[in-house]
N, C-alpha and C. Protein backbone atom coordinates (compact mmCIF):
# COMPACT_ATOMS: atom_id res chain seq x y z
N MET A 1 -68.17 119.30 62.13
CA MET A 1 -66.15 119.50 62.48
C MET A 1 -66.00 118.42 63.42
N ARG A 2 -64.90 117.98 63.73
CA ARG A 2 -64.67 116.49 64.56
C ARG A 2 -64.01 117.17 65.64
N ASN A 3 -64.07 117.17 67.36
CA ASN A 3 -64.10 118.10 67.51
C ASN A 3 -62.96 116.57 68.74
N ASN A 4 -61.66 117.27 69.11
CA ASN A 4 -60.11 116.62 69.55
C ASN A 4 -60.22 116.60 70.72
N LEU A 5 -59.72 115.41 71.67
CA LEU A 5 -59.24 116.54 73.50
C LEU A 5 -57.78 115.51 72.67
N LYS A 6 -57.13 116.82 73.44
CA LYS A 6 -55.11 116.66 73.22
C LYS A 6 -55.10 115.75 74.50
N VAL A 7 -53.72 114.78 73.91
CA VAL A 7 -53.36 113.93 75.12
C VAL A 7 -52.07 114.19 75.06
N GLN A 8 -50.82 114.69 76.04
CA GLN A 8 -49.90 115.10 76.17
C GLN A 8 -49.24 113.93 76.27
N GLU A 9 -48.12 113.40 75.37
CA GLU A 9 -47.08 112.49 75.04
C GLU A 9 -45.79 112.98 74.46
N ASN A 10 -44.57 112.60 75.64
CA ASN A 10 -43.64 113.29 75.46
C ASN A 10 -43.98 114.74 75.23
N ASP A 11 -43.06 115.30 73.95
CA ASP A 11 -43.11 116.88 73.60
C ASP A 11 -43.87 116.97 72.19
N LYS A 12 -44.68 115.50 72.11
CA LYS A 12 -45.90 115.67 70.83
C LYS A 12 -47.34 116.52 71.34
N ILE A 13 -48.07 116.35 70.87
CA ILE A 13 -49.98 116.32 71.51
C ILE A 13 -49.81 115.61 70.25
N ILE A 14 -50.63 114.51 71.02
CA ILE A 14 -51.77 113.89 70.37
C ILE A 14 -53.04 113.97 69.88
N MET A 15 -53.65 113.89 69.45
CA MET A 15 -55.47 114.38 68.75
C MET A 15 -56.25 112.39 69.12
N ILE A 16 -56.87 112.38 69.73
CA ILE A 16 -58.29 111.60 69.73
C ILE A 16 -59.77 112.20 69.77
N PRO A 17 -60.55 111.75 69.07
CA PRO A 17 -61.60 112.30 68.39
C PRO A 17 -62.59 112.14 69.74
N THR A 18 -63.58 113.34 70.20
CA THR A 18 -64.45 113.45 71.38
C THR A 18 -65.30 111.79 71.18
N GLU A 19 -65.26 112.02 70.13
CA GLU A 19 -66.41 110.85 69.78
C GLU A 19 -66.05 109.55 70.44
N VAL A 20 -65.25 109.49 70.70
CA VAL A 20 -64.39 108.23 71.35
C VAL A 20 -64.55 107.90 72.89
N PHE A 21 -63.73 109.38 73.34
CA PHE A 21 -64.68 109.05 75.09
C PHE A 21 -66.05 109.62 75.04
N THR A 22 -66.38 110.02 74.13
CA THR A 22 -68.07 109.40 74.57
C THR A 22 -68.85 108.55 74.60
N CYS A 23 -68.27 107.41 73.99
CA CYS A 23 -69.11 105.97 73.32
C CYS A 23 -68.52 105.47 74.85
N VAL A 24 -67.08 106.10 75.59
CA VAL A 24 -66.79 104.76 76.39
C VAL A 24 -67.49 105.04 78.36
N PHE A 25 -68.20 104.18 78.75
CA PHE A 25 -68.65 104.15 80.28
C PHE A 25 -67.83 103.23 80.80
N HIS A 26 -68.06 103.17 82.42
CA HIS A 26 -67.60 102.47 83.42
C HIS A 26 -68.81 101.70 83.91
N LEU A 27 -68.57 101.05 83.93
CA LEU A 27 -69.86 99.93 84.24
C LEU A 27 -69.43 99.22 84.98
N LYS A 28 -71.01 98.53 86.34
CA LYS A 28 -70.58 97.67 87.49
C LYS A 28 -72.04 96.98 87.02
N PHE A 29 -71.55 94.90 87.54
CA PHE A 29 -72.68 94.73 87.46
C PHE A 29 -72.65 93.27 88.90
N GLY A 30 -73.26 93.40 89.37
CA GLY A 30 -72.81 93.00 90.72
C GLY A 30 -71.91 93.69 91.60
N SER A 31 -70.74 92.74 91.56
CA SER A 31 -69.19 92.89 92.63
C SER A 31 -68.04 93.69 91.47
N SER A 32 -68.77 93.65 90.31
CA SER A 32 -67.82 93.55 88.73
C SER A 32 -67.60 94.88 88.79
N THR A 33 -66.50 95.08 88.30
CA THR A 33 -67.04 97.14 87.28
C THR A 33 -65.83 96.77 86.14
N GLY A 34 -66.05 97.28 84.64
CA GLY A 34 -65.17 97.44 83.89
C GLY A 34 -65.56 97.72 83.21
N THR A 35 -65.39 98.18 81.61
CA THR A 35 -65.25 99.12 80.74
C THR A 35 -66.55 98.22 79.32
N CYS A 36 -67.23 99.86 78.94
CA CYS A 36 -68.13 99.36 78.42
C CYS A 36 -67.73 100.43 76.82
N PHE A 37 -68.82 99.99 76.11
CA PHE A 37 -68.56 101.16 74.90
C PHE A 37 -70.02 100.98 74.32
N GLU A 38 -69.91 102.01 73.76
CA GLU A 38 -71.75 101.81 72.67
C GLU A 38 -71.34 101.92 71.54
N ILE A 39 -72.32 101.39 70.59
CA ILE A 39 -71.43 101.40 69.37
C ILE A 39 -73.04 101.20 68.73
N ASP A 40 -72.99 101.99 67.20
CA ASP A 40 -74.39 101.87 66.73
C ASP A 40 -74.24 100.69 65.47
N TYR A 41 -75.32 99.54 65.25
CA TYR A 41 -74.96 98.29 64.42
C TYR A 41 -76.22 98.25 63.49
N LYS A 42 -76.91 98.76 62.15
CA LYS A 42 -77.81 99.14 61.48
C LYS A 42 -78.87 99.81 62.82
N GLY A 43 -78.25 101.11 62.85
CA GLY A 43 -79.28 101.70 63.23
C GLY A 43 -79.76 101.58 64.46
N LYS A 44 -79.62 100.67 65.73
CA LYS A 44 -79.35 100.31 67.41
C LYS A 44 -78.63 99.89 67.65
N LYS A 45 -78.58 101.09 68.96
CA LYS A 45 -77.21 101.01 69.62
C LYS A 45 -77.11 99.89 71.07
N TYR A 46 -75.90 99.58 71.23
CA TYR A 46 -75.60 98.21 71.94
C TYR A 46 -74.29 98.30 72.42
N ILE A 47 -74.22 98.29 73.73
CA ILE A 47 -72.83 98.61 74.86
C ILE A 47 -72.62 97.24 74.93
N VAL A 48 -70.80 96.99 74.40
CA VAL A 48 -70.20 96.05 74.66
C VAL A 48 -69.65 96.25 75.46
N THR A 49 -68.80 94.63 76.09
CA THR A 49 -68.35 94.27 77.29
C THR A 49 -67.54 93.52 77.72
N ALA A 50 -66.52 93.21 78.84
CA ALA A 50 -65.90 91.83 78.95
C ALA A 50 -67.51 90.68 79.34
N LYS A 51 -67.09 89.77 78.70
CA LYS A 51 -68.40 88.60 79.55
C LYS A 51 -67.68 87.93 81.13
N HIS A 52 -66.63 87.96 81.88
CA HIS A 52 -66.06 87.75 82.58
C HIS A 52 -67.64 88.97 83.80
N ILE A 53 -67.84 89.99 83.13
CA ILE A 53 -68.24 91.04 84.11
C ILE A 53 -69.58 90.85 84.37
N LEU A 54 -70.06 90.31 83.11
CA LEU A 54 -71.45 90.17 83.44
C LEU A 54 -71.99 88.07 83.57
N ARG A 55 -71.35 87.58 83.51
CA ARG A 55 -70.96 86.24 83.24
C ARG A 55 -69.97 85.82 84.29
N GLN A 56 -70.34 85.76 86.04
CA GLN A 56 -68.73 86.00 87.07
C GLN A 56 -68.70 84.60 87.55
N VAL A 57 -67.46 84.02 87.21
CA VAL A 57 -67.45 82.97 87.89
C VAL A 57 -66.30 82.36 88.69
N LYS A 58 -66.74 81.83 89.94
CA LYS A 58 -65.90 81.15 90.68
C LYS A 58 -65.58 79.72 91.48
N SER A 59 -64.36 79.62 90.80
CA SER A 59 -63.92 77.94 91.18
C SER A 59 -64.58 77.26 90.00
N GLY A 60 -65.11 78.00 89.38
CA GLY A 60 -65.35 76.64 87.99
C GLY A 60 -67.14 77.08 87.59
N LYS A 61 -67.69 77.58 89.20
CA LYS A 61 -69.12 78.07 89.16
C LYS A 61 -69.58 78.87 88.65
N VAL A 62 -70.55 79.40 88.04
CA VAL A 62 -71.15 80.52 87.77
C VAL A 62 -72.19 81.55 89.03
N VAL A 63 -71.32 82.01 89.77
CA VAL A 63 -71.53 82.76 90.21
C VAL A 63 -73.13 83.91 90.70
N LYS A 64 -72.85 84.25 89.28
CA LYS A 64 -73.24 85.80 89.41
C LYS A 64 -73.88 86.00 87.32
N GLU A 65 -75.02 86.09 86.71
CA GLU A 65 -75.20 85.90 85.47
C GLU A 65 -76.24 86.99 85.05
N LEU A 66 -75.73 88.27 83.80
CA LEU A 66 -76.85 88.96 83.94
C LEU A 66 -77.77 88.19 83.10
N LYS A 67 -79.21 88.39 83.33
CA LYS A 67 -80.01 87.61 83.01
C LYS A 67 -80.97 88.63 82.21
N ASN A 68 -82.21 88.67 80.99
CA ASN A 68 -83.08 90.22 80.69
C ASN A 68 -83.64 90.26 81.57
N ASN A 69 -83.83 91.66 81.58
CA ASN A 69 -84.49 92.67 82.48
C ASN A 69 -83.45 92.47 83.93
N ASP A 70 -82.78 92.27 83.94
CA ASP A 70 -81.94 93.11 85.51
C ASP A 70 -81.07 94.20 85.29
N PHE A 71 -80.63 94.38 86.34
CA PHE A 71 -79.72 95.79 86.16
C PHE A 71 -78.62 95.53 85.95
N ILE A 72 -78.23 96.63 85.28
CA ILE A 72 -76.24 97.41 85.28
C ILE A 72 -76.20 98.89 85.58
N GLU A 73 -74.70 99.16 86.06
CA GLU A 73 -74.81 100.60 86.49
C GLU A 73 -73.76 101.31 85.59
N ILE A 74 -74.42 102.50 85.32
CA ILE A 74 -73.33 103.09 84.66
C ILE A 74 -73.00 104.31 85.55
N SER A 75 -71.64 104.74 85.60
CA SER A 75 -70.92 105.67 86.34
C SER A 75 -71.02 106.81 85.85
N HIS A 76 -72.02 107.94 86.72
CA HIS A 76 -72.57 109.93 86.36
C HIS A 76 -72.35 109.73 87.53
N ASN A 77 -71.65 111.61 87.16
CA ASN A 77 -71.84 112.33 87.93
C ASN A 77 -71.11 112.05 89.41
N GLN A 78 -70.46 111.58 89.26
CA GLN A 78 -69.93 109.68 90.52
C GLN A 78 -70.96 109.19 91.22
N LYS A 79 -72.03 109.29 90.40
CA LYS A 79 -73.10 108.11 91.13
C LYS A 79 -73.29 107.01 90.28
N TRP A 80 -73.68 105.51 91.09
CA TRP A 80 -74.12 104.32 90.40
C TRP A 80 -75.74 105.31 89.44
N ILE A 81 -75.47 105.06 88.04
CA ILE A 81 -76.78 104.36 87.92
C ILE A 81 -77.23 103.62 87.62
N SER A 82 -78.45 103.20 88.25
CA SER A 82 -78.85 102.14 87.56
C SER A 82 -79.86 101.77 85.94
N GLN A 83 -79.63 101.52 85.05
CA GLN A 83 -80.25 100.82 83.43
C GLN A 83 -80.51 99.42 83.56
N GLN A 84 -81.95 99.40 83.23
CA GLN A 84 -82.59 98.27 82.97
C GLN A 84 -81.77 97.55 81.65
N ALA A 85 -81.28 96.38 81.45
CA ALA A 85 -80.41 95.83 80.46
C ALA A 85 -81.02 94.57 80.20
N THR A 86 -81.41 94.46 78.37
CA THR A 86 -81.65 92.96 77.38
C THR A 86 -80.01 91.97 77.21
N LEU A 87 -79.81 91.11 77.69
CA LEU A 87 -78.43 90.03 77.23
C LEU A 87 -78.56 90.16 75.96
N ILE A 88 -78.05 90.53 74.89
CA ILE A 88 -78.28 89.86 73.54
C ILE A 88 -77.34 88.89 73.01
N GLY A 89 -76.44 88.66 73.67
CA GLY A 89 -75.10 86.96 73.81
C GLY A 89 -74.13 87.67 74.18
N HIS A 90 -73.83 86.02 74.49
CA HIS A 90 -72.10 86.55 75.21
C HIS A 90 -71.26 85.69 73.74
N HIS A 91 -70.42 85.84 73.30
CA HIS A 91 -69.30 85.52 72.43
C HIS A 91 -68.72 84.16 73.28
N GLU A 92 -68.75 82.65 72.21
CA GLU A 92 -68.77 81.83 72.37
C GLU A 92 -67.19 81.25 73.22
N SER A 93 -66.05 82.30 72.31
CA SER A 93 -64.78 82.17 72.70
C SER A 93 -63.76 83.20 73.65
N ALA A 94 -64.67 84.03 72.73
CA ALA A 94 -64.22 84.96 73.43
C ALA A 94 -64.74 86.33 74.58
N ASP A 95 -63.73 87.17 74.95
CA ASP A 95 -64.56 88.06 76.73
C ASP A 95 -65.19 88.96 76.36
N ILE A 96 -66.15 88.47 75.60
CA ILE A 96 -66.65 89.64 75.14
C ILE A 96 -68.56 89.18 75.13
N SER A 97 -69.12 90.42 75.43
CA SER A 97 -70.86 90.25 75.69
C SER A 97 -71.38 91.51 74.85
N VAL A 98 -72.29 91.43 74.61
CA VAL A 98 -72.91 92.22 73.66
C VAL A 98 -74.22 92.89 74.34
N ILE A 99 -74.64 94.07 75.26
CA ILE A 99 -76.33 94.07 75.68
C ILE A 99 -77.15 95.36 75.56
N SER A 100 -78.45 95.59 75.34
CA SER A 100 -78.54 97.00 75.05
C SER A 100 -79.06 97.02 75.84
N ILE A 101 -79.76 98.87 76.21
CA ILE A 101 -80.05 99.66 77.30
C ILE A 101 -81.14 100.29 76.73
N ASP A 102 -82.37 100.75 77.10
CA ASP A 102 -83.28 101.69 76.97
C ASP A 102 -82.69 102.79 76.66
N ASN A 103 -81.99 103.90 78.00
CA ASN A 103 -81.40 104.92 77.82
C ASN A 103 -80.08 104.90 77.00
N ILE A 104 -80.05 105.84 75.92
CA ILE A 104 -79.47 105.68 74.85
C ILE A 104 -77.88 106.80 75.62
N MET A 105 -76.87 107.33 76.03
CA MET A 105 -76.21 107.52 76.85
C MET A 105 -75.37 108.46 75.66
N THR A 106 -75.47 108.32 74.14
CA THR A 106 -74.61 109.44 74.10
C THR A 106 -75.22 109.68 72.18
N GLU A 107 -75.67 110.67 72.07
CA GLU A 107 -75.96 110.87 70.94
C GLU A 107 -74.81 111.15 69.24
N LEU A 108 -73.40 110.48 69.65
CA LEU A 108 -72.77 110.72 69.36
C LEU A 108 -72.11 109.06 68.35
N ILE A 109 -72.06 109.27 67.03
CA ILE A 109 -71.79 108.35 66.77
C ILE A 109 -70.92 107.84 65.90
N LEU A 110 -69.16 106.96 66.41
CA LEU A 110 -68.55 107.26 65.89
C LEU A 110 -68.41 106.09 65.01
N GLU A 111 -67.69 106.31 63.89
CA GLU A 111 -68.33 105.00 62.92
C GLU A 111 -66.64 103.69 63.35
N CYS A 112 -67.26 102.43 63.63
CA CYS A 112 -65.73 101.83 63.70
C CYS A 112 -65.53 100.95 62.59
N SER A 113 -64.70 101.47 62.14
CA SER A 113 -63.94 101.15 60.80
C SER A 113 -62.25 100.50 60.88
N SER A 114 -61.62 99.69 59.98
CA SER A 114 -60.74 99.94 59.95
C SER A 114 -60.26 100.52 58.54
N THR A 115 -60.51 101.20 58.13
CA THR A 115 -60.27 101.33 57.11
C THR A 115 -59.20 103.20 56.91
N GLY A 116 -58.37 102.66 56.52
CA GLY A 116 -57.19 103.66 56.23
C GLY A 116 -55.71 102.86 57.35
N MET A 117 -56.65 102.20 58.04
CA MET A 117 -54.99 101.69 59.25
C MET A 117 -54.09 100.89 58.24
N VAL A 118 -52.74 100.87 59.13
CA VAL A 118 -51.62 100.72 58.84
C VAL A 118 -50.90 100.30 59.26
N TYR A 119 -49.97 99.23 59.32
CA TYR A 119 -49.09 98.24 59.95
C TYR A 119 -48.13 99.95 61.11
N GLY A 120 -48.08 99.64 62.41
CA GLY A 120 -46.59 100.03 62.54
C GLY A 120 -47.44 102.13 63.16
N GLN A 121 -49.33 102.01 63.27
CA GLN A 121 -49.63 103.05 63.32
C GLN A 121 -50.13 102.41 65.18
N GLU A 122 -50.12 104.30 65.51
CA GLU A 122 -50.63 104.14 66.87
C GLU A 122 -51.62 103.94 67.10
N ALA A 123 -52.31 103.16 68.32
CA ALA A 123 -53.25 103.29 68.36
C ALA A 123 -53.43 103.29 70.07
N TYR A 124 -55.21 104.07 70.79
CA TYR A 124 -55.06 103.78 72.35
C TYR A 124 -56.03 103.52 72.77
N PHE A 125 -55.64 102.55 73.20
CA PHE A 125 -56.68 101.89 74.88
C PHE A 125 -57.35 102.92 74.91
N LEU A 126 -58.43 102.94 75.73
CA LEU A 126 -59.44 103.68 76.59
C LEU A 126 -60.27 102.77 77.87
N GLY A 127 -60.32 103.28 78.61
CA GLY A 127 -60.83 102.19 79.65
C GLY A 127 -60.79 102.08 81.31
N PHE A 128 -61.15 102.10 82.06
CA PHE A 128 -61.23 101.81 83.30
C PHE A 128 -60.31 100.53 84.68
N PRO A 129 -59.00 100.95 84.66
CA PRO A 129 -58.07 99.49 84.92
C PRO A 129 -58.64 99.44 86.16
N TYR A 130 -58.70 98.72 86.75
CA TYR A 130 -58.52 98.35 88.23
C TYR A 130 -59.71 99.82 88.71
N ASN A 131 -60.51 99.66 88.18
CA ASN A 131 -61.76 101.16 88.90
C ASN A 131 -60.74 102.55 88.85
N MET A 132 -60.16 102.72 88.16
CA MET A 132 -59.01 103.84 88.17
C MET A 132 -59.92 104.96 86.70
N TYR A 133 -59.78 106.42 86.70
CA TYR A 133 -60.57 107.33 85.60
C TYR A 133 -59.89 108.51 86.54
N ALA A 134 -60.33 108.91 85.57
CA ALA A 134 -59.84 110.26 85.29
C ALA A 134 -60.67 111.50 86.51
N THR A 135 -59.86 112.52 86.99
CA THR A 135 -61.01 113.01 87.99
C THR A 135 -61.05 114.34 88.04
N SER A 136 -60.57 115.05 86.88
CA SER A 136 -59.95 116.22 87.06
C SER A 136 -61.75 116.94 86.39
N ASN A 137 -61.98 118.23 87.24
CA ASN A 137 -63.66 118.97 86.74
C ASN A 137 -63.15 118.81 85.44
N ALA A 138 -62.30 119.31 84.81
CA ALA A 138 -62.71 120.03 83.28
C ALA A 138 -62.60 118.71 82.36
N ASP A 139 -62.27 117.40 82.80
CA ASP A 139 -62.51 116.14 81.98
C ASP A 139 -64.16 115.71 81.80
N SER A 140 -65.00 116.50 83.44
CA SER A 140 -65.75 115.36 83.04
C SER A 140 -67.01 116.49 82.43
N LYS A 141 -66.97 117.91 82.56
CA LYS A 141 -67.56 118.84 82.16
C LYS A 141 -67.14 118.30 79.99
N VAL A 142 -66.09 117.71 79.98
CA VAL A 142 -66.10 117.61 78.57
C VAL A 142 -67.09 116.45 78.32
N ASN A 143 -66.82 115.15 78.60
CA ASN A 143 -67.66 114.13 79.04
C ASN A 143 -68.99 113.76 79.44
N ARG A 144 -69.90 115.12 79.82
CA ARG A 144 -71.09 114.93 80.07
C ARG A 144 -71.40 114.37 81.71
N TYR A 145 -70.40 115.11 82.84
CA TYR A 145 -70.51 114.06 84.09
C TYR A 145 -69.85 112.54 83.76
N PHE A 146 -69.78 112.21 82.91
CA PHE A 146 -69.24 110.57 83.06
C PHE A 146 -67.86 110.21 83.33
N PRO A 147 -67.43 109.19 83.81
CA PRO A 147 -66.11 109.40 84.14
C PRO A 147 -65.14 109.63 83.21
N MET A 148 -63.71 109.98 82.86
CA MET A 148 -63.06 109.79 81.55
C MET A 148 -61.68 109.28 81.89
N PRO A 149 -62.59 107.99 81.11
CA PRO A 149 -61.12 106.52 80.69
C PRO A 149 -59.88 107.07 80.74
N LEU A 150 -59.42 105.74 81.20
CA LEU A 150 -57.43 107.07 81.41
C LEU A 150 -56.95 105.64 79.45
N VAL A 151 -56.33 106.57 79.47
CA VAL A 151 -56.08 106.81 77.86
C VAL A 151 -54.48 105.49 78.22
N LYS A 152 -53.87 104.33 77.65
CA LYS A 152 -52.99 104.08 77.25
C LYS A 152 -52.72 104.19 75.81
N LYS A 153 -51.27 104.02 75.11
CA LYS A 153 -50.86 103.46 73.70
C LYS A 153 -50.61 101.99 73.27
N ALA A 154 -50.50 101.96 71.75
CA ALA A 154 -49.70 100.61 71.51
C ALA A 154 -49.83 100.84 69.86
N ILE A 155 -49.06 99.93 69.14
CA ILE A 155 -49.44 99.80 67.61
C ILE A 155 -49.86 98.88 67.30
N ILE A 156 -50.52 99.02 66.24
CA ILE A 156 -50.86 98.09 65.35
C ILE A 156 -49.46 96.89 64.83
N SER A 157 -49.50 95.42 65.09
CA SER A 157 -48.63 94.74 64.77
C SER A 157 -49.43 94.10 63.74
N GLY A 158 -50.80 93.94 63.76
CA GLY A 158 -50.51 92.71 62.50
C GLY A 158 -52.37 92.10 62.75
N VAL A 159 -52.32 91.53 61.44
CA VAL A 159 -53.86 91.28 61.93
C VAL A 159 -53.86 89.66 61.61
N VAL A 160 -54.13 88.67 62.27
CA VAL A 160 -54.70 87.67 62.48
C VAL A 160 -56.42 86.98 62.14
N SER A 161 -55.94 85.90 61.14
CA SER A 161 -58.08 85.34 60.50
C SER A 161 -57.52 84.19 60.72
N ASN A 162 -58.81 83.49 61.32
CA ASN A 162 -59.47 82.21 61.54
C ASN A 162 -60.67 82.10 61.33
N ARG A 163 -61.11 80.54 61.23
CA ARG A 163 -62.32 80.63 61.35
C ARG A 163 -63.46 82.07 61.62
N GLU A 164 -63.37 82.15 62.34
CA GLU A 164 -64.23 83.32 63.42
C GLU A 164 -64.30 84.47 63.19
N GLY A 165 -63.17 84.96 62.32
CA GLY A 165 -63.10 86.24 61.72
C GLY A 165 -61.17 86.94 61.63
N ASP A 166 -61.81 88.14 61.68
CA ASP A 166 -59.91 88.62 61.47
C ASP A 166 -59.78 89.22 63.12
N TYR A 167 -58.80 89.34 63.54
CA TYR A 167 -58.16 90.15 65.03
C TYR A 167 -57.21 90.60 64.74
N LEU A 168 -57.47 92.30 65.19
CA LEU A 168 -55.95 93.06 65.89
C LEU A 168 -55.15 92.43 65.83
N LEU A 169 -53.90 92.46 66.06
CA LEU A 169 -53.23 92.68 67.46
C LEU A 169 -52.25 93.83 67.66
N LEU A 170 -52.73 94.39 68.62
CA LEU A 170 -52.41 95.41 69.14
C LEU A 170 -50.85 95.29 70.04
N ASP A 171 -49.96 95.52 69.98
CA ASP A 171 -48.69 96.06 70.97
C ASP A 171 -48.51 96.89 71.63
N GLY A 172 -48.73 97.01 73.16
CA GLY A 172 -48.40 97.82 73.68
C GLY A 172 -48.49 97.26 75.79
N ILE A 173 -48.32 98.34 76.88
CA ILE A 173 -48.36 97.74 77.50
C ILE A 173 -50.37 97.84 78.77
N ASN A 174 -50.64 96.90 78.50
CA ASN A 174 -52.02 97.44 78.70
C ASN A 174 -52.23 96.81 80.98
N ASN A 175 -52.95 97.50 81.70
CA ASN A 175 -53.09 97.10 82.50
C ASN A 175 -54.27 95.73 82.47
N ARG A 176 -53.62 95.11 83.98
CA ARG A 176 -54.49 94.04 84.41
C ARG A 176 -56.41 94.52 84.11
N GLY A 177 -57.07 94.17 83.65
CA GLY A 177 -58.27 94.87 83.81
C GLY A 177 -59.04 95.73 82.26
N GLY A 178 -57.86 95.71 81.38
CA GLY A 178 -57.95 96.56 80.06
C GLY A 178 -57.72 95.81 79.05
N VAL A 179 -57.55 94.54 79.22
CA VAL A 179 -57.59 94.06 77.79
C VAL A 179 -58.77 94.07 76.79
N ARG A 180 -60.34 94.03 77.36
CA ARG A 180 -61.25 94.44 76.86
C ARG A 180 -61.32 95.97 76.23
N ARG A 181 -60.70 96.38 75.86
CA ARG A 181 -61.04 97.81 76.01
C ARG A 181 -61.24 98.97 74.11
N PRO A 182 -61.66 99.73 74.14
CA PRO A 182 -62.06 100.07 72.92
C PRO A 182 -60.63 100.94 72.69
N PHE A 183 -60.07 100.53 71.62
CA PHE A 183 -59.42 101.89 70.65
C PHE A 183 -59.66 102.84 69.93
N SER A 184 -58.60 103.71 69.48
CA SER A 184 -58.92 104.41 68.89
C SER A 184 -57.09 104.61 68.00
N LEU A 185 -57.72 104.76 66.57
CA LEU A 185 -56.80 105.37 65.91
C LEU A 185 -55.94 106.34 65.46
């Protein structure tokens, strides 16, 4: 049975599967923080995040970049916990990076799929824009003392295809620092 977290929106309550929240984490590398999320691909767990967090550029020069066996930090129970990371790769043109870590953070697996998706359907971004997160004790317990991401709403407005693949277009107001966050339907 799937558990859901209730989110109040005007006069209606929406449900976001607990599995979505439990796969989203607050990440730090050097002086940069952001959102990352855990995925399962062919039986192996990976962490997806924004490339600019792991490859920091100032004035056109790379000043800090994740290398294999470097350490990232994940926020847990109001502390930063070091995790050794292996860089799987950076996307050539998109602001996306994939890493792997030794310690699996969640046993819950959320299937990534667009099955059943329809145009105009509501979608919800989850993440840590401006280094912010929900701080209630009840939320912390639900998410095993990992900080709860903030939730923003959008709609699915289309799909664009190019030689690199298909891209979902989500129409919604998002905060700076929140553009590469996972979303839930």
